[in-house]
Protein backbone atom coordinates (compact mmCIF):
# COMPACT_ATOMS: atom_id res chain seq x y z
CA UNK A 1 -189.19 -1.44 85.21
CA UNK A 2 -189.76 1.43 87.62
CA UNK A 3 -193.44 2.45 87.73
CA UNK A 4 -196.51 0.42 87.02
CA UNK A 5 -198.59 3.07 85.37
CA UNK A 6 -197.61 4.87 82.16
CA UNK A 7 -197.80 8.69 82.08
CA UNK A 8 -200.31 10.62 80.08
CA UNK A 9 -199.99 10.49 76.26
CA UNK A 10 -196.84 12.46 75.35
CA UNK A 11 -197.19 15.89 73.69
CA UNK A 12 -194.82 17.41 71.09
CA UNK A 13 -193.02 20.64 71.90
CA UNK A 14 -191.17 20.82 68.50
CA UNK A 15 -191.67 23.97 66.50
CA UNK A 16 -192.40 22.69 63.03
CA UNK A 17 -191.85 24.46 59.75
CA UNK A 18 -194.16 23.95 56.75
CA UNK A 19 -194.08 20.37 55.74
CA UNK A 20 -192.73 19.14 59.08
CA UNK A 21 -194.87 16.91 61.29
CA UNK A 22 -194.25 15.04 64.58
CA UNK A 23 -195.71 11.61 65.30
CA UNK A 24 -195.80 8.85 67.93
CA UNK A 25 -195.93 5.11 67.19
CA UNK A 26 -197.06 2.59 69.84
CA UNK A 27 -195.10 -0.57 69.59
CA UNK A 28 -196.26 -4.04 70.59
CA UNK A 29 -194.34 -4.02 73.86
CA UNK A 30 -195.89 -0.74 74.93
CA UNK A 31 -193.01 1.53 73.85
CA UNK A 32 -193.89 4.85 72.36
CA UNK A 33 -191.50 5.92 69.59
CA UNK A 34 -191.20 9.53 68.58
CA UNK A 35 -190.40 10.42 64.95
CA UNK A 36 -190.49 13.31 62.55
CA UNK A 37 -191.46 13.59 58.92
CA UNK A 38 -190.29 16.37 56.72
CA UNK A 39 -191.91 16.49 53.24
CA UNK A 40 -191.35 18.70 50.25
CA UNK A 41 -193.66 21.73 50.01
CA UNK A 42 -193.70 24.91 47.92
CA UNK A 43 -195.49 28.25 48.33
CA UNK A 44 -198.84 28.60 46.74
CA UNK A 45 -199.95 31.94 45.30
CA UNK A 46 -203.56 30.65 45.31
CA UNK A 47 -204.57 29.71 48.88
CA UNK A 48 -206.99 26.98 47.99
CA UNK A 49 -206.59 23.36 49.13
CA UNK A 50 -203.37 24.30 50.92
CA UNK A 51 -201.33 22.34 53.40
CA UNK A 52 -201.76 25.04 56.02
CA UNK A 53 -204.03 27.96 55.13
CA UNK A 54 -202.89 29.86 58.25
CA UNK A 55 -199.37 30.38 56.92
CA UNK A 56 -198.39 33.38 54.96
CA UNK A 57 -197.80 32.46 52.20
CA UNK A 58 -199.68 29.14 52.25
CA UNK A 59 -197.88 26.08 51.11
CA UNK A 60 -198.76 23.20 48.80
CA UNK A 61 -197.50 19.59 49.02
CA UNK A 62 -194.78 19.08 46.31
CA UNK A 63 -194.03 15.83 44.55
CA UNK A 64 -191.92 13.34 46.51
CA UNK A 65 -188.96 11.97 44.49
CA UNK A 66 -187.57 9.82 47.25
CA UNK A 67 -187.84 8.91 50.92
CA UNK A 68 -184.88 8.97 53.35
CA UNK A 69 -184.78 7.06 56.65
CA UNK A 70 -182.22 8.72 59.02
CA UNK A 71 -180.38 7.28 62.07
CA UNK A 72 -178.81 9.73 64.52
CA UNK A 73 -175.78 9.14 66.74
CA UNK A 74 -175.45 8.04 70.36
CA UNK A 75 -176.83 10.52 72.78
CA UNK A 76 -178.52 12.38 69.90
CA UNK A 77 -182.04 12.68 68.65
CA UNK A 78 -184.02 13.22 65.46
CA UNK A 79 -183.59 17.01 65.67
CA UNK A 80 -179.97 16.68 64.80
CA UNK A 81 -181.02 16.24 61.15
CA UNK A 82 -183.36 19.19 61.02
CA UNK A 83 -181.13 21.28 58.66
CA UNK A 84 -180.41 18.25 56.47
CA UNK A 85 -184.07 17.27 56.34
CA UNK A 86 -185.09 20.76 55.16
CA UNK A 87 -182.22 20.75 52.62
CA UNK A 88 -183.29 17.35 51.16
CA UNK A 89 -186.99 18.30 51.26
CA UNK A 90 -186.20 21.45 49.16
CA UNK A 91 -184.80 18.98 46.60
CA UNK A 92 -187.76 16.68 46.57
CA UNK A 93 -186.82 14.13 49.17
CA UNK A 94 -189.01 13.40 52.12
CA UNK A 95 -187.12 12.56 55.32
CA UNK A 96 -188.02 10.34 58.30
CA UNK A 97 -186.06 10.45 61.54
CA UNK A 98 -186.83 8.85 64.87
CA UNK A 99 -185.65 9.04 68.45
CA UNK A 100 -184.22 5.66 69.50
CA UNK A 101 -185.21 3.76 72.57
CA UNK A 102 -183.34 5.41 75.43
CA UNK A 103 -182.85 8.61 73.41
CA UNK A 104 -184.58 11.97 73.20
CA UNK A 105 -188.27 12.22 73.44
CA UNK A 106 -188.74 8.45 73.08
CA UNK A 107 -186.87 8.02 76.37
CA UNK A 108 -188.87 10.80 78.02
CA UNK A 109 -192.17 9.18 77.03
CA UNK A 110 -191.06 5.78 78.27
CA UNK A 111 -189.01 6.60 81.43
CA UNK A 112 -191.83 4.96 83.51
CA UNK A 113 -190.53 1.64 81.97
CA UNK A 114 -186.76 2.27 81.79
CA UNK A 115 -185.35 5.21 83.77
CA UNK A 116 -181.72 5.03 82.51
CA UNK A 117 -180.79 7.20 79.51
CA UNK A 118 -179.33 5.23 76.59
CA UNK A 119 -181.08 2.03 77.87
CA UNK A 120 -182.45 0.28 74.71
CA UNK A 121 -184.52 -2.13 76.85
CA UNK A 122 -184.61 -5.94 76.70
CA UNK A 123 -185.04 -5.92 72.93
CA UNK A 124 -181.66 -4.15 72.47
CA UNK A 125 -180.65 -2.53 69.27
CA UNK A 126 -182.52 -5.05 67.22
CA UNK A 127 -185.62 -3.49 68.81
CA UNK A 128 -184.48 -0.10 67.43
CA UNK A 129 -184.15 -1.55 63.88
CA UNK A 130 -187.61 -3.04 64.14
CA UNK A 131 -188.96 0.35 65.31
CA UNK A 132 -187.24 2.00 62.40
CA UNK A 133 -188.84 -0.31 59.82
CA UNK A 134 -192.23 0.21 61.50
CA UNK A 135 -191.77 3.95 61.41
CA UNK A 136 -190.78 3.75 57.76
CA UNK A 137 -193.93 1.86 56.98
CA UNK A 138 -196.09 4.40 58.87
CA UNK A 139 -194.37 7.20 57.02
CA UNK A 140 -194.95 5.61 53.60
CA UNK A 141 -198.67 5.35 54.38
CA UNK A 142 -198.83 8.89 55.74
CA UNK A 143 -197.01 10.33 52.62
CA UNK A 144 -198.72 7.92 50.19
CA UNK A 145 -195.28 7.00 49.08
CA UNK A 146 -195.35 3.14 48.94
CA UNK A 147 -193.51 2.95 45.62
CA UNK A 148 -191.12 5.82 46.16
CA UNK A 149 -187.32 5.01 46.10
CA UNK A 150 -186.08 4.79 49.66
CA UNK A 151 -182.59 5.65 50.93
CA UNK A 152 -180.73 5.25 54.21
CA UNK A 153 -178.55 7.67 56.14
CA UNK A 154 -176.83 6.89 59.46
CA UNK A 155 -174.41 8.92 61.52
CA UNK A 156 -171.92 7.65 64.08
CA UNK A 157 -173.67 4.97 66.19
CA UNK A 158 -176.47 5.43 63.61
CA UNK A 159 -174.10 4.25 60.94
CA UNK A 160 -173.69 0.97 62.86
CA UNK A 161 -177.51 0.62 63.06
CA UNK A 162 -177.85 1.42 59.40
CA UNK A 163 -175.17 -1.06 58.34
CA UNK A 164 -176.53 -3.75 60.53
CA UNK A 165 -180.00 -3.14 58.98
CA UNK A 166 -178.57 -3.64 55.52
CA UNK A 167 -177.23 -6.98 56.63
CA UNK A 168 -180.63 -8.23 57.91
CA UNK A 169 -183.33 -9.82 55.82
CA UNK A 170 -185.89 -7.23 56.87
CA UNK A 171 -184.21 -4.66 54.64
CA UNK A 172 -183.89 -6.81 51.44
CA UNK A 173 -184.96 -4.81 48.45
CA UNK A 174 -186.03 -1.81 50.50
CA UNK A 175 -183.16 0.67 50.15
CA UNK A 176 -181.68 1.95 46.91
CA UNK A 177 -178.50 3.30 48.50
CA UNK A 178 -177.10 4.34 51.85
CA UNK A 179 -174.80 7.13 53.12
CA UNK A 180 -172.96 6.43 56.43
CA UNK A 181 -171.07 9.34 58.17
CA UNK A 182 -168.68 9.36 61.14
CA UNK A 183 -168.59 5.57 61.45
CA UNK A 184 -166.76 4.43 64.61
CA UNK A 185 -166.04 0.98 63.13
CA UNK A 186 -162.29 0.17 63.35
CA UNK A 187 -161.19 -2.89 61.36
CA UNK A 188 -158.01 -4.82 62.54
CA UNK A 189 -157.01 -7.84 64.52
CA UNK A 190 -156.08 -5.69 67.47
CA UNK A 191 -159.74 -4.56 67.73
CA UNK A 192 -161.81 -7.55 66.76
CA UNK A 193 -160.11 -10.16 68.97
CA UNK A 194 -160.94 -8.70 72.43
CA UNK A 195 -164.58 -7.93 71.65
CA UNK A 196 -165.84 -11.39 72.69
CA UNK A 197 -163.87 -11.07 75.96
CA UNK A 198 -165.36 -7.69 76.71
CA UNK A 199 -168.92 -8.90 75.86
CA UNK A 200 -168.41 -11.93 78.20
CA UNK A 201 -167.32 -9.63 81.07
CA UNK A 202 -170.26 -7.34 80.53
CA UNK A 203 -172.71 -10.31 80.59
CA UNK A 204 -171.69 -10.92 84.22
CA UNK A 205 -172.81 -7.40 85.26
CA UNK A 206 -176.35 -6.50 86.19
CA UNK A 207 -178.29 -4.58 83.53
CA UNK A 208 -179.07 -1.66 85.77
CA UNK A 209 -175.35 -0.95 86.48
CA UNK A 210 -174.54 2.36 84.93
CA UNK A 211 -171.14 3.11 83.37
CA UNK A 212 -171.07 6.86 82.85
CA UNK A 213 -167.29 7.13 83.57
CA UNK A 214 -166.56 4.81 80.69
CA UNK A 215 -168.50 7.10 78.35
CA UNK A 216 -166.94 10.25 79.72
CA UNK A 217 -163.48 8.75 79.38
CA UNK A 218 -164.17 8.02 75.77
CA UNK A 219 -165.38 11.68 75.22
CA UNK A 220 -162.19 12.99 76.88
CA UNK A 221 -160.08 10.84 74.54
CA UNK A 222 -161.95 12.17 71.49
CA UNK A 223 -161.25 15.76 72.62
CA UNK A 224 -157.55 15.53 73.30
CA UNK A 225 -156.62 17.37 70.10
CA UNK A 226 -158.91 20.30 70.89
CA UNK A 227 -158.05 20.97 74.53
CA UNK A 228 -155.48 23.72 73.86
CA UNK A 229 -157.68 25.26 71.21
CA UNK A 230 -160.56 25.49 73.60
CA UNK A 231 -158.36 27.23 76.17
CA UNK A 232 -157.17 29.75 73.57
CA UNK A 233 -160.83 30.40 72.49
CA UNK A 234 -161.98 30.61 76.12
CA UNK A 235 -165.32 28.92 75.56
CA UNK A 236 -166.08 27.03 78.77
CA UNK A 237 -169.60 26.11 77.78
CA UNK A 238 -168.25 23.72 75.19
CA UNK A 239 -165.27 22.39 77.14
CA UNK A 240 -164.94 18.74 76.36
CA UNK A 241 -167.13 18.69 73.29
CA UNK A 242 -164.96 20.50 70.68
CA UNK A 243 -164.56 17.24 68.87
CA UNK A 244 -168.19 17.37 67.76
CA UNK A 245 -168.02 20.31 65.39
CA UNK A 246 -165.56 23.01 64.13
CA UNK A 247 -168.12 25.75 64.79
CA UNK A 248 -168.08 26.52 68.50
CA UNK A 249 -171.47 28.41 68.33
CA UNK A 250 -173.12 25.29 67.00
CA UNK A 251 -171.57 23.08 69.71
CA UNK A 252 -172.72 25.58 72.39
CA UNK A 253 -176.29 25.44 71.03
CA UNK A 254 -176.23 21.61 71.15
CA UNK A 255 -175.11 21.56 74.80
CA UNK A 256 -176.47 24.70 76.47
CA UNK A 257 -179.83 25.04 74.68
CA UNK A 258 -180.80 21.41 74.16
CA UNK A 259 -183.22 19.54 76.38
CA UNK A 260 -182.28 16.29 74.67
CA UNK A 261 -179.11 15.03 73.18
CA UNK A 262 -175.60 15.97 74.46
CA UNK A 263 -176.76 16.52 78.00
CA UNK A 264 -178.11 13.05 78.15
CA UNK A 265 -174.56 11.71 77.58
CA UNK A 266 -173.28 13.48 80.75
CA UNK A 267 -175.83 12.07 83.22
CA UNK A 268 -176.82 13.13 86.68
CA UNK A 269 -178.27 11.42 89.75
CA UNK A 270 -181.73 12.32 88.47
CA UNK A 271 -180.86 11.17 84.99
CA UNK A 272 -178.62 8.07 85.30
CA UNK A 273 -176.91 7.28 82.06
CA UNK A 274 -175.31 4.44 79.98
CA UNK A 275 -176.34 1.11 81.47
CA UNK A 276 -174.36 -2.11 80.92
CA UNK A 277 -177.08 -3.13 78.50
CA UNK A 278 -176.15 -0.14 76.18
CA UNK A 279 -172.50 -1.24 75.94
CA UNK A 280 -173.41 -4.90 75.44
CA UNK A 281 -175.66 -4.07 72.47
CA UNK A 282 -173.22 -1.50 71.08
CA UNK A 283 -170.27 -3.92 71.06
CA UNK A 284 -172.45 -6.72 69.73
CA UNK A 285 -173.51 -4.52 66.86
CA UNK A 286 -169.88 -3.60 66.10
CA UNK A 287 -168.95 -7.27 66.12
CA UNK A 288 -171.85 -8.07 63.81
CA UNK A 289 -170.86 -5.38 61.38
CA UNK A 290 -167.21 -6.53 61.30
CA UNK A 291 -168.07 -10.21 61.00
CA UNK A 292 -167.65 -11.46 57.31
CA UNK A 293 -170.25 -14.10 57.83
CA UNK A 294 -172.83 -11.29 58.22
CA UNK A 295 -172.27 -10.38 54.58
CA UNK A 296 -171.36 -13.52 52.61
CA UNK A 297 -174.90 -14.98 52.51
CA UNK A 298 -176.31 -11.80 50.84
CA UNK A 299 -176.60 -12.15 47.03
CA UNK A 300 -174.64 -9.61 45.13
CA UNK A 301 -177.71 -8.18 43.46
CA UNK A 302 -179.26 -7.48 46.86
CA UNK A 303 -176.37 -5.53 48.35
CA UNK A 304 -177.26 -1.88 48.81
CA UNK A 305 -174.46 0.54 47.63
CA UNK A 306 -172.88 2.51 50.43
CA UNK A 307 -171.09 5.83 50.49
CA UNK A 308 -168.92 6.42 53.56
CA UNK A 309 -168.39 10.14 54.51
CA UNK A 310 -165.93 11.25 57.21
CA UNK A 311 -164.20 14.43 58.28
CA UNK A 312 -160.40 14.49 58.19
CA UNK A 313 -160.55 16.01 61.69
CA UNK A 314 -162.98 13.44 63.07
CA UNK A 315 -161.31 11.95 66.20
CA UNK A 316 -164.02 9.36 66.65
CA UNK A 317 -163.16 7.95 63.21
CA UNK A 318 -159.41 8.33 63.93
CA UNK A 319 -159.10 11.21 61.38
CA UNK A 320 -160.28 9.11 58.46
CA UNK A 321 -158.36 5.86 59.23
CA UNK A 322 -161.39 4.04 60.42
CA UNK A 323 -163.50 4.71 57.28
CA UNK A 324 -160.54 3.79 55.05
CA UNK A 325 -160.19 0.47 56.76
CA UNK A 326 -164.00 -0.12 56.66
CA UNK A 327 -164.01 0.67 52.97
CA UNK A 328 -161.25 -1.87 52.32
CA UNK A 329 -163.09 -4.44 54.47
CA UNK A 330 -166.36 -3.97 52.59
CA UNK A 331 -164.73 -4.10 49.23
CA UNK A 332 -162.85 -7.23 50.14
CA UNK A 333 -166.26 -8.83 50.76
CA UNK A 334 -167.47 -7.72 47.37
CA UNK A 335 -169.85 -4.96 48.74
CA UNK A 336 -170.33 -1.93 46.42
CA UNK A 337 -168.87 0.95 48.52
CA UNK A 338 -167.24 4.28 48.08
CA UNK A 339 -165.70 6.87 50.36
CA UNK A 340 -165.21 10.62 50.59
CA UNK A 341 -163.07 12.39 53.19
CA UNK A 342 -164.12 15.94 54.00
CA UNK A 343 -161.18 18.22 54.74
CA UNK A 344 -161.35 20.21 57.98
CA UNK A 345 -164.62 18.67 59.24
CA UNK A 346 -164.95 17.01 62.59
CA UNK A 347 -167.30 14.27 63.87
CA UNK A 348 -170.82 15.70 63.63
CA UNK A 349 -170.68 16.62 59.95
CA UNK A 350 -174.46 17.19 59.84
CA UNK A 351 -174.13 20.09 62.31
CA UNK A 352 -171.38 21.91 60.29
CA UNK A 353 -172.55 25.23 58.72
CA UNK A 354 -170.76 24.15 55.62
CA UNK A 355 -173.27 22.26 53.38
CA UNK A 356 -170.76 20.11 51.48
CA UNK A 357 -171.93 16.97 53.14
CA UNK A 358 -175.53 17.73 52.12
CA UNK A 359 -174.47 18.42 48.51
CA UNK A 360 -172.43 15.19 48.17
CA UNK A 361 -175.18 13.16 49.79
CA UNK A 362 -177.82 14.56 47.56
CA UNK A 363 -175.82 13.98 44.43
CA UNK A 364 -174.96 10.37 45.40
CA UNK A 365 -178.59 9.48 46.19
CA UNK A 366 -179.81 11.14 43.03
CA UNK A 367 -177.20 9.34 40.93
CA UNK A 368 -178.21 5.95 42.43
CA UNK A 369 -181.87 6.66 41.72
CA UNK A 370 -181.08 7.60 38.04
CA UNK A 371 -178.82 4.55 37.65
CA UNK A 372 -181.62 2.28 38.96
CA UNK A 373 -184.08 3.79 36.55
CA UNK A 374 -181.81 3.10 33.65
CA UNK A 375 -180.81 -0.43 34.63
CA UNK A 376 -183.73 -1.56 36.79
CA UNK A 377 -181.32 -3.39 39.06
CA UNK A 378 -179.57 -2.86 42.39
CA UNK A 379 -175.97 -1.86 42.95
CA UNK A 380 -173.36 -3.95 41.06
CA UNK A 381 -170.24 -2.60 42.72
CA UNK A 382 -169.45 -0.38 39.79
CA UNK A 383 -167.16 2.46 40.81
CA UNK A 384 -168.78 5.98 40.70
CA UNK A 385 -166.77 9.13 40.85
CA UNK A 386 -167.50 11.53 43.65
CA UNK A 387 -165.44 14.73 43.19
CA UNK A 388 -165.48 18.38 42.71
CA UNK A 389 -168.37 18.22 40.28
CA UNK A 390 -170.74 17.70 43.21
CA UNK A 391 -173.33 20.38 43.58
CA UNK A 392 -171.83 23.28 45.46
CA UNK A 393 -168.59 21.37 46.30
CA UNK A 394 -166.42 23.55 44.05
CA UNK A 395 -167.01 26.65 46.22
CA UNK A 396 -165.62 24.81 49.29
CA UNK A 397 -162.50 23.31 47.77
CA UNK A 398 -160.15 25.84 49.32
CA UNK A 399 -161.55 25.82 52.90
CA UNK A 400 -162.94 22.26 52.84
CA UNK A 401 -161.09 20.25 50.15
CA UNK A 402 -162.59 16.92 49.25
CA UNK A 403 -160.22 13.98 49.33
CA UNK A 404 -161.76 11.27 47.18
CA UNK A 405 -160.19 7.93 47.78
CA UNK A 406 -163.01 5.74 46.49
CA UNK A 407 -161.50 5.10 43.07
CA UNK A 408 -159.18 2.27 42.30
């Protein structure tokens, strides 16, 4: 720890739309966790008992049909899901997203304890999962939604956190279904064997040792395919980050205009980044997700159905290969899982201007909710078709064709 005294209580600088609120949660170890709640609202022609009378027009709270807990990616923050949260809220789903330990505003509020960006602290990523469940509890109380169906969404590193959460007892019976996007998991003997060796080597290094070059080397590897394209487009502001999104304006906004997020992955002398503890926890989480023993003890009736989504141009997911192997791995373990590949999309599918991923996710979550209402049971592994009938998907089939490989 760096400083003895904590700073003043953190303030929120987020510009919120109607139905959006920002919160802080104080944890038992003194950590402050930042999270956002986006709830369904609708305009009210009669400005009486409104959510915010100062707005024109005023808004009323709309019924909540479901609650979504969202995990962002490495170096990201809860704001990455802003567009998605507003989309889901417009369809009756309240959304909860948090900034992890070592990320975003949570890192800013706790830098007196741990100065290094991406440092999860001594509790590691298990601490992040405990934070998430505590945030979910607080959100349920705040929204008065204790009995509302709950769903899980995770992107990139967040997909590892979400999948790890599904394997732990603390999530039993909590989630109706899950959607995981941009998963970096890579099944295969050539990957799983060296993990213990790498973890052993990292355990010998001090926790405060930073490894930014390792992170930057990985980013350069992800971006190999887009180097020549970036030179042709002449967009120096996004050089090295074209792998994130096919829309260069969106990438530029995330890098140039963000205070939190992508810049945190680069690091400076004033903002050291990526300690050994981060890599230790990340690789341990990957090993946990790939270990069959993490799954075999979970009864079939308690296994939350998963939909994997990935762009065919996602270099982090090896252009769809990773998610295909992960799907085969999960099915081999008897876990109810499906997959959809999104043609032309890159890694950060939630940042794409194309809303196909929002449409497919909403249809999947809605279908799971209706199926649970009919049967009164959890997922049974029954195959469900995800195709062109998804809401809005048909209008994207030419520019962003959906390659559905989930069916036998």
